[in-house]
């Protein structure tokens, strides 16, 4: 799939709204799938599947896109800047799980330390094992 789908979804002020909500410490609208993407195979909804990262090639393409990576890092940093340690407080129960998966995914392919910092602060350092298993399968 083409990673432009993420840029399209984040356009029209959607990215800015997501960042505003994160900075306020409370997610209120529906943007989690294309702001914090997960690997394909975790979600079952249309949105989860459409915005899932389905291969190592696609992950590398996402990471190579400066706009997408800058936005992802900025949103991850905004989580850290809230000062909170409970992801459910900021994101809600389901989306807290999605963010853990996303941070695990991008930690595997990116040199940015912000993903590990989010995992350490909000998730006690626990990575999403299913994400790690799927990514390991890509490399075989």
Protein backbone atom coordinates (compact mmCIF):
# COMPACT_ATOMS: atom_id res chain seq x y z
CA UNK A 1 0.00 0.00 0.00
CA UNK A 2 0.99 3.57 -0.56
CA UNK A 3 2.01 5.52 2.55
CA UNK A 4 0.38 8.62 1.10
CA UNK A 5 -2.82 7.36 2.73
CA UNK A 6 -1.37 8.52 6.06
CA UNK A 7 -0.63 12.01 4.75
CA UNK A 8 -4.13 12.24 3.29
CA UNK A 9 -5.72 11.16 6.59
CA UNK A 10 -3.62 13.66 8.56
CA UNK A 11 -4.51 16.57 6.26
CA UNK A 12 -7.17 19.23 6.73
CA UNK A 13 -6.18 19.98 10.31
CA UNK A 14 -6.52 16.41 11.56
CA UNK A 15 -2.86 16.09 12.56
CA UNK A 16 -3.01 19.47 14.31
CA UNK A 17 -6.16 18.38 16.20
CA UNK A 18 -4.49 15.15 17.30
CA UNK A 19 -1.44 17.04 18.51
CA UNK A 20 -3.63 19.55 20.37
CA UNK A 21 -5.46 16.72 22.12
CA UNK A 22 -2.21 14.97 23.05
CA UNK A 23 -0.73 18.18 24.42
CA UNK A 24 -3.89 18.71 26.47
CA UNK A 25 -3.44 15.20 27.89
CA UNK A 26 -6.74 13.81 26.60
CA UNK A 27 -7.52 12.14 23.27
CA UNK A 28 -11.07 13.03 22.26
CA UNK A 29 -11.50 12.42 18.53
CA UNK A 30 -10.80 9.56 16.13
CA UNK A 31 -7.31 9.59 14.62
CA UNK A 32 -5.33 6.89 16.39
CA UNK A 33 -4.96 4.56 13.35
CA UNK A 34 -3.13 7.04 11.12
CA UNK A 35 -1.26 9.01 13.78
CA UNK A 36 0.13 5.95 15.60
CA UNK A 37 0.10 3.11 13.01
CA UNK A 38 0.36 -0.53 14.04
CA UNK A 39 1.39 -3.67 12.20
CA UNK A 40 -1.16 -5.49 10.10
CA UNK A 41 -2.71 -8.36 12.01
CA UNK A 42 -3.53 -6.63 15.28
CA UNK A 43 -6.77 -4.84 14.49
CA UNK A 44 -9.85 -6.13 12.74
CA UNK A 45 -11.77 -2.99 11.83
CA UNK A 46 -11.65 -1.44 8.37
CA UNK A 47 -9.65 1.52 9.74
CA UNK A 48 -7.19 -0.72 11.57
CA UNK A 49 -6.56 -2.76 8.44
CA UNK A 50 -6.42 0.18 6.04
CA UNK A 51 -3.87 2.07 8.12
CA UNK A 52 -1.83 -0.95 9.21
CA UNK A 53 1.83 -1.25 8.24
CA UNK A 54 1.97 -4.52 6.32
CA UNK A 55 5.65 -5.11 5.61
CA UNK A 56 9.21 -4.16 6.39
CA UNK A 57 9.31 -2.25 3.08
CA UNK A 58 6.28 -0.21 4.09
CA UNK A 59 7.75 0.48 7.53
CA UNK A 60 10.96 1.72 5.92
CA UNK A 61 8.97 3.92 3.52
CA UNK A 62 7.05 5.44 6.44
CA UNK A 63 10.27 6.08 8.37
CA UNK A 64 11.89 7.61 5.27
CA UNK A 65 9.02 10.09 4.86
CA UNK A 66 10.20 13.16 6.77
CA UNK A 67 6.72 14.60 7.27
CA UNK A 68 5.26 11.39 8.68
CA UNK A 69 8.23 10.68 10.94
CA UNK A 70 8.44 14.26 12.20
CA UNK A 71 4.75 14.11 13.06
CA UNK A 72 5.02 10.70 14.72
CA UNK A 73 7.99 11.80 16.81
CA UNK A 74 6.25 15.07 17.72
CA UNK A 75 3.13 13.20 18.84
CA UNK A 76 5.18 10.70 20.85
CA UNK A 77 7.04 13.58 22.48
CA UNK A 78 3.71 15.27 23.23
CA UNK A 79 2.71 12.15 25.17
CA UNK A 80 5.90 12.39 27.20
CA UNK A 81 5.40 16.11 27.76
CA UNK A 82 2.03 15.55 29.44
CA UNK A 83 3.88 14.43 32.55
CA UNK A 84 1.44 11.56 32.98
CA UNK A 85 2.50 7.94 33.32
CA UNK A 86 -0.86 6.23 32.76
CA UNK A 87 -1.57 5.81 29.04
CA UNK A 88 -5.24 5.06 29.73
CA UNK A 89 -5.59 8.52 31.32
CA UNK A 90 -4.49 10.19 28.08
CA UNK A 91 -5.68 7.75 25.41
CA UNK A 92 -8.39 5.49 26.81
CA UNK A 93 -8.06 1.74 27.28
CA UNK A 94 -8.16 0.50 23.68
CA UNK A 95 -6.06 3.29 22.20
CA UNK A 96 -3.45 2.88 24.94
CA UNK A 97 -2.90 -0.66 23.61
CA UNK A 98 -2.65 0.63 20.05
CA UNK A 99 -0.03 3.20 21.02
CA UNK A 100 2.05 0.56 22.78
CA UNK A 101 1.98 -1.51 19.59
CA UNK A 102 2.87 1.52 17.47
CA UNK A 103 5.77 2.55 19.69
CA UNK A 104 7.06 -1.04 19.63
CA UNK A 105 6.82 -1.12 15.83
CA UNK A 106 8.65 2.14 15.25
CA UNK A 107 11.28 1.38 17.87
CA UNK A 108 12.26 -1.64 15.75
CA UNK A 109 12.96 0.45 12.67
CA UNK A 110 13.85 3.94 13.80
CA UNK A 111 16.90 5.42 15.46
CA UNK A 112 14.78 7.86 17.49
CA UNK A 113 14.83 7.17 21.22
CA UNK A 114 11.40 8.74 21.77
CA UNK A 115 9.61 5.45 21.13
CA UNK A 116 11.57 3.65 23.85
CA UNK A 117 10.96 6.61 26.17
CA UNK A 118 7.19 6.33 25.67
CA UNK A 119 7.34 2.58 26.24
CA UNK A 120 9.41 3.04 29.39
CA UNK A 121 7.30 5.86 30.86
CA UNK A 122 3.81 4.65 30.01
CA UNK A 123 4.18 0.88 29.76
CA UNK A 124 6.90 0.01 32.27
CA UNK A 125 9.25 -0.82 29.41
CA UNK A 126 6.99 -3.60 28.10
CA UNK A 127 7.03 -3.99 24.34
CA UNK A 128 4.09 -5.47 22.47
CA UNK A 129 5.14 -9.07 21.89
CA UNK A 130 2.73 -9.74 19.03
CA UNK A 131 4.14 -6.72 17.17
CA UNK A 132 7.67 -8.01 17.74
CA UNK A 133 6.67 -11.46 16.48
CA UNK A 134 5.09 -10.07 13.31
CA UNK A 135 8.08 -7.84 12.57
CA UNK A 136 10.45 -10.77 13.15
CA UNK A 137 8.46 -12.73 10.56
CA UNK A 138 9.00 -9.95 8.01
CA UNK A 139 12.75 -10.37 8.26
CA UNK A 140 12.83 -14.13 7.67
